[in-house]
Amino acid sequence: MMVVQEQHAYAKAAEAIRQRFGAPPRVVIILGSGAGGLRDALTDKQTETYEALGLPLTSVTGHKGEMLVGKLGDTQVAMLAGRLHSYEGRSLEETVRAVRAMAAWGVEILLMTSAVGSLTTDLSPGDLVAVTDHINLMGINPLVGKNIDGLGPRFPDMAAAYDPGLRAQAQAVADELGTELSSGVYAAVRGPSFETPAEVRMLGMMGASVVGMSVVPETIAAVHAQMRVLTIAIVSNEGTGLSDTPPNHAEVTATVGRAAITLCPLITRLVSLW
């Protein structure tokens, strides 16, 4: 009985969201650590706590735990200010419940931001990276267990998990605004400890450009539910061993906050195309 309840928790949340906010916008934005500047840019907004909507709360500093619907520029969007991470000890059902609720509500596009460490000296703190693919080293997958047929197939195709069309639009907007937007592969580790120098070297040798502790479970759940995904990662620190400065969460949040100066106009212009 418990498994059935967990599988349908997203549907209950979707109904609560529909009752609170009405018809869905086309896009939802998940705000990563330190990306609260996007929330501040939202106008004509309505807000509700995760708790009131049946969405689990996060324990991580910088993730507020509220859903917002309003206008970014002239475009209606939803925002999720608060992301659960597997390292908090929560179930994967809880980690991806908000994404599944968005799909059940009728949202078509998932746009994620994520604070990441660089795995190459070509990327510096504050740089923006459009994710092209991922390497899942978390040892977990939100689709393990009985398939939720109402959302998607048992074996979803992940060949183009990060939508090439959306990524091309993001690059075109970045070029238009004169914003540097790199691209690369996201290596996902469970955390919460930062990587060792040997791990950073290994991840770089595997072909990854950045490393983080989120994004991948949400991406898998979104693709399973036929959502299109775009992820723009913000380099918050250099990977351990690439500099003499050890990473820490406070500096991660501060660096991403400063990057909002370029991130906000980019995303505002981008969603206007959708």
Protein backbone atom coordinates (compact mmCIF):
# COMPACT_ATOMS: atom_id res chain seq x y z
CA MET A 1 0.00 0.00 0.00
CA MET A 2 2.85 2.41 0.81
CA VAL A 3 4.33 2.04 -2.71
CA VAL A 4 1.00 2.94 -4.31
CA GLN A 5 0.70 6.03 -2.12
CA GLU A 6 4.20 7.18 -3.05
CA GLN A 7 3.62 6.69 -6.75
CA HIS A 8 0.50 8.83 -6.65
CA ALA A 9 1.84 11.58 -4.40
CA TYR A 10 2.82 13.56 -7.52
CA ALA A 11 -0.77 13.40 -8.81
CA LYS A 12 -2.14 14.73 -5.53
CA ALA A 13 0.40 17.56 -5.66
CA ALA A 14 -0.54 18.32 -9.28
CA GLU A 15 -4.19 18.64 -8.31
CA ALA A 16 -3.31 20.94 -5.41
CA ILE A 17 -1.22 23.06 -7.78
CA ARG A 18 -4.07 23.19 -10.31
CA GLN A 19 -6.50 24.29 -7.61
CA ARG A 20 -4.10 27.00 -6.40
CA PHE A 21 -2.74 28.37 -9.69
CA GLY A 22 -5.17 27.32 -12.43
CA ALA A 23 -3.98 26.50 -15.95
CA PRO A 24 -0.28 25.65 -16.31
CA PRO A 25 2.29 27.83 -18.07
CA ARG A 26 4.44 26.16 -20.70
CA VAL A 27 7.66 26.25 -18.68
CA VAL A 28 8.78 25.65 -15.11
CA ILE A 29 12.16 26.82 -13.83
CA ILE A 30 13.94 25.00 -11.00
CA LEU A 31 16.22 27.38 -9.14
CA GLY A 32 19.55 25.91 -8.04
CA SER A 33 21.67 27.08 -5.12
CA GLY A 34 22.11 30.85 -5.14
CA ALA A 35 19.85 31.49 -8.16
CA GLY A 36 17.25 33.44 -6.18
CA GLY A 37 17.78 36.47 -8.40
CA LEU A 38 15.45 34.86 -10.92
CA ARG A 39 12.75 34.60 -8.26
CA ASP A 40 13.20 38.29 -7.50
CA ALA A 41 12.77 39.11 -11.21
CA LEU A 42 9.30 37.53 -11.30
CA THR A 43 6.38 40.00 -11.43
CA ASP A 44 2.62 39.64 -10.87
CA LYS A 45 3.50 36.58 -8.86
CA GLN A 46 1.49 34.21 -6.74
CA THR A 47 3.31 32.05 -4.21
CA GLU A 48 2.56 28.97 -2.18
CA THR A 49 4.64 26.87 0.17
CA TYR A 50 5.71 23.37 -0.81
CA GLU A 51 4.03 22.05 2.32
CA ALA A 52 0.62 23.41 1.26
CA LEU A 53 0.97 21.78 -2.16
CA GLY A 54 2.08 18.37 -0.96
CA LEU A 55 5.68 18.84 -2.08
CA PRO A 56 8.49 17.79 0.28
CA LEU A 57 10.65 20.43 1.94
CA THR A 58 14.40 20.66 1.53
CA SER A 59 16.89 21.13 4.34
CA VAL A 60 19.59 22.84 2.25
CA THR A 61 20.46 26.50 2.85
CA GLY A 62 19.52 28.65 -0.16
CA HIS A 63 16.57 26.46 -1.21
CA LYS A 64 13.49 28.25 0.13
CA GLY A 65 10.71 25.70 -0.47
CA GLU A 66 8.05 27.64 -2.33
CA MET A 67 6.39 27.55 -5.72
CA LEU A 68 5.76 30.73 -7.66
CA VAL A 69 3.76 31.54 -10.78
CA GLY A 70 4.13 34.91 -12.47
CA LYS A 71 5.71 36.77 -15.34
CA LEU A 72 9.36 36.73 -16.28
CA GLY A 73 9.42 39.67 -18.65
CA ASP A 74 6.11 39.23 -20.47
CA THR A 75 6.04 35.42 -20.25
CA GLN A 76 4.05 33.44 -17.71
CA VAL A 77 6.24 30.85 -15.96
CA ALA A 78 6.25 28.66 -12.88
CA MET A 79 9.24 28.50 -10.57
CA LEU A 80 10.30 25.98 -7.97
CA ALA A 81 12.45 27.72 -5.37
CA GLY A 82 13.86 24.75 -3.53
CA ARG A 83 15.31 21.47 -4.75
CA LEU A 84 15.60 18.20 -2.87
CA HIS A 85 18.86 16.31 -3.07
CA SER A 86 19.44 12.59 -2.60
CA TYR A 87 22.20 13.33 -0.07
CA GLU A 88 19.56 14.67 2.33
CA GLY A 89 18.57 11.06 2.89
CA ARG A 90 15.20 11.40 1.20
CA SER A 91 13.60 8.91 -1.14
CA LEU A 92 13.95 9.44 -4.87
CA GLU A 93 10.16 9.66 -5.11
CA GLU A 94 10.38 12.77 -2.95
CA THR A 95 13.37 14.10 -4.92
CA VAL A 96 11.48 14.05 -8.24
CA ARG A 97 7.91 14.55 -6.98
CA ALA A 98 7.83 18.23 -7.98
CA VAL A 99 8.98 17.46 -11.53
CA ARG A 100 6.36 14.75 -11.91
CA ALA A 101 3.71 17.09 -10.51
CA MET A 102 4.69 19.69 -13.11
CA ALA A 103 4.31 17.11 -15.89
CA ALA A 104 0.93 15.98 -14.56
CA TRP A 105 -0.17 19.63 -14.31
CA GLY A 106 0.60 20.03 -18.01
CA VAL A 107 3.93 21.89 -18.08
CA GLU A 108 5.89 21.05 -21.24
CA ILE A 109 9.40 22.43 -20.62
CA LEU A 110 11.67 21.99 -17.60
CA LEU A 111 14.43 24.60 -17.35
CA MET A 112 16.91 23.93 -14.57
CA THR A 113 19.75 25.93 -13.12
CA SER A 114 22.43 24.21 -11.09
CA ALA A 115 25.56 25.22 -9.23
CA VAL A 116 28.46 23.05 -10.38
CA GLY A 117 32.17 22.59 -9.94
CA SER A 118 34.41 22.81 -12.99
CA LEU A 119 36.46 19.82 -14.10
CA THR A 120 38.68 21.79 -16.43
CA THR A 121 40.73 24.97 -16.16
CA ASP A 122 38.86 26.24 -19.24
CA LEU A 123 35.87 26.99 -16.98
CA SER A 124 35.98 29.55 -14.17
CA PRO A 125 33.59 30.52 -11.37
CA GLY A 126 30.70 32.52 -12.81
CA ASP A 127 30.76 30.84 -16.23
CA LEU A 128 27.51 29.51 -17.70
CA VAL A 129 27.38 26.03 -19.25
CA ALA A 130 24.53 24.54 -21.28
CA VAL A 131 24.41 20.85 -20.38
CA THR A 132 24.57 18.57 -23.42
CA ASP A 133 24.48 15.19 -21.67
CA HIS A 134 25.12 13.59 -18.30
CA ILE A 135 27.03 10.78 -16.63
CA ASN A 136 25.06 9.33 -13.74
CA LEU A 137 27.49 8.27 -11.02
CA MET A 138 24.96 8.65 -8.20
CA GLY A 139 24.21 4.93 -8.14
CA ILE A 140 20.47 5.68 -8.15
CA ASN A 141 17.67 6.15 -10.67
CA PRO A 142 14.15 7.48 -9.95
CA LEU A 143 12.60 4.94 -12.33
CA VAL A 144 13.66 1.92 -10.25
CA GLY A 145 10.62 -0.01 -9.05
CA LYS A 146 7.19 -0.44 -10.61
CA ASN A 147 6.81 1.77 -13.68
CA ILE A 148 4.26 4.58 -13.46
CA ASP A 149 2.53 3.90 -16.76
CA GLY A 150 0.49 7.09 -16.51
CA LEU A 151 3.70 9.10 -16.83
CA GLY A 152 5.85 7.23 -19.31
CA PRO A 153 7.33 3.99 -20.65
CA ARG A 154 9.32 1.40 -18.74
CA PHE A 155 12.48 2.09 -20.76
CA PRO A 156 12.62 5.78 -21.80
CA ASP A 157 15.14 6.84 -24.44
CA MET A 158 17.83 9.17 -23.02
CA ALA A 159 19.70 9.85 -26.28
CA ALA A 160 18.61 13.50 -26.34
CA ALA A 161 17.70 14.03 -22.69
CA TYR A 162 18.86 17.67 -22.86
CA ASP A 163 16.78 18.94 -25.74
CA PRO A 164 19.03 20.00 -28.67
CA GLY A 165 16.45 22.45 -29.99
CA LEU A 166 16.12 24.27 -26.67
CA ARG A 167 19.89 24.31 -26.29
CA ALA A 168 20.29 25.85 -29.76
CA GLN A 169 17.79 28.56 -28.80
CA ALA A 170 19.73 29.25 -25.60
CA GLN A 171 22.97 29.59 -27.56
CA ALA A 172 21.34 31.95 -30.07
CA VAL A 173 19.99 34.15 -27.26
CA ALA A 174 23.37 34.15 -25.51
CA ASP A 175 25.03 35.26 -28.77
CA GLU A 176 22.39 37.96 -29.21
CA LEU A 177 23.02 39.29 -25.68
CA GLY A 178 26.80 38.96 -25.91
CA THR A 179 26.79 36.43 -23.07
CA GLU A 180 29.38 33.66 -23.01
CA LEU A 181 27.62 30.29 -22.89
CA SER A 182 29.77 27.17 -22.97
CA SER A 183 28.49 23.61 -23.33
CA GLY A 184 29.51 20.36 -21.71
CA VAL A 185 28.65 17.11 -19.98
CA TYR A 186 27.37 17.07 -16.39
CA ALA A 187 28.78 14.39 -14.06
CA ALA A 188 26.36 13.65 -11.23
CA VAL A 189 27.65 12.41 -7.87
CA ARG A 190 25.56 11.83 -4.79
CA GLY A 191 27.53 13.99 -2.31
CA PRO A 192 27.30 15.74 0.03
CA SER A 193 31.10 15.79 0.36
CA PHE A 194 32.93 17.67 -2.34
CA GLU A 195 35.00 15.56 -4.72
CA THR A 196 38.59 14.55 -4.07
CA PRO A 197 41.34 15.68 -6.47
CA ALA A 198 41.56 12.12 -7.82
CA GLU A 199 37.81 12.08 -8.47
CA VAL A 200 38.01 15.41 -10.29
CA ARG A 201 40.77 14.02 -12.52
CA MET A 202 38.76 10.85 -13.17
CA LEU A 203 35.58 12.74 -14.08
CA GLY A 204 37.49 14.93 -16.50
CA MET A 205 39.04 11.87 -18.14
CA MET A 206 35.54 10.41 -18.54
CA GLY A 207 34.54 13.39 -20.67
CA ALA A 208 32.63 15.52 -18.18
CA SER A 209 33.10 19.29 -17.97
CA VAL A 210 31.25 19.99 -14.71
CA VAL A 211 30.19 18.06 -11.62
CA GLY A 212 27.16 18.46 -9.39
CA MET A 213 24.88 16.70 -6.91
CA SER A 214 21.46 17.17 -8.56
CA VAL A 215 19.89 17.62 -12.04
CA VAL A 216 20.15 13.99 -13.18
CA PRO A 217 17.27 12.47 -11.15
CA GLU A 218 15.01 15.34 -12.23
CA THR A 219 16.11 15.00 -15.86
CA ILE A 220 15.40 11.27 -15.92
CA ALA A 221 11.96 11.79 -14.37
CA ALA A 222 11.16 14.63 -16.76
CA VAL A 223 12.22 12.73 -19.88
CA HIS A 224 10.23 9.72 -18.67
CA ALA A 225 7.17 12.01 -18.44
CA GLN A 226 7.79 13.43 -21.97
CA MET A 227 8.96 16.87 -20.83
CA ARG A 228 11.63 18.75 -22.75
CA VAL A 229 14.67 19.63 -20.62
CA LEU A 230 17.18 22.47 -20.73
CA THR A 231 19.79 22.84 -17.99
CA ILE A 232 22.07 25.84 -17.60
CA ALA A 233 24.77 25.16 -15.04
CA ILE A 234 26.59 27.96 -13.24
CA VAL A 235 30.21 27.24 -12.36
CA SER A 236 30.40 28.08 -8.67
CA ASN A 237 33.87 26.76 -7.90
CA GLU A 238 36.85 25.08 -9.44
CA GLY A 239 37.03 21.34 -8.87
CA THR A 240 39.19 20.21 -5.97
CA GLY A 241 42.82 20.20 -7.04
CA LEU A 242 42.34 22.70 -9.89
CA SER A 243 43.00 25.64 -7.57
CA ASP A 244 44.46 26.29 -4.13
CA THR A 245 41.06 27.40 -2.76
CA PRO A 246 38.95 24.59 -1.27
CA PRO A 247 35.24 24.74 -2.19
CA ASN A 248 32.60 25.62 0.40
CA HIS A 249 28.81 25.99 0.17
CA ALA A 250 28.71 29.67 1.20
CA GLU A 251 31.08 30.64 -1.61
CA VAL A 252 29.12 28.44 -4.03
CA THR A 253 25.92 30.35 -3.24
CA ALA A 254 27.63 33.75 -3.42
CA THR A 255 29.26 33.04 -6.79
CA VAL A 256 26.00 31.87 -8.35
CA GLY A 257 24.26 34.97 -6.99
CA ARG A 258 26.79 37.17 -8.79
CA ALA A 259 26.29 35.18 -12.01
CA ALA A 260 22.60 36.14 -11.94
CA ILE A 261 23.60 39.43 -13.59
CA THR A 262 24.08 37.52 -16.84
CA LEU A 263 21.75 34.58 -16.14
CA CYS A 264 18.55 36.56 -15.56
CA PRO A 265 18.51 38.43 -18.91
CA LEU A 266 19.41 35.22 -20.74
CA ILE A 267 16.56 33.19 -19.25
CA THR A 268 14.07 36.06 -19.49
CA ARG A 269 14.73 36.42 -23.21
CA LEU A 270 14.79 32.67 -23.73
CA VAL A 271 11.39 31.94 -22.18
CA SER A 272 9.84 34.68 -24.34
CA LEU A 273 10.52 32.41 -27.33
CA TRP A 274 8.44 29.62 -25.80
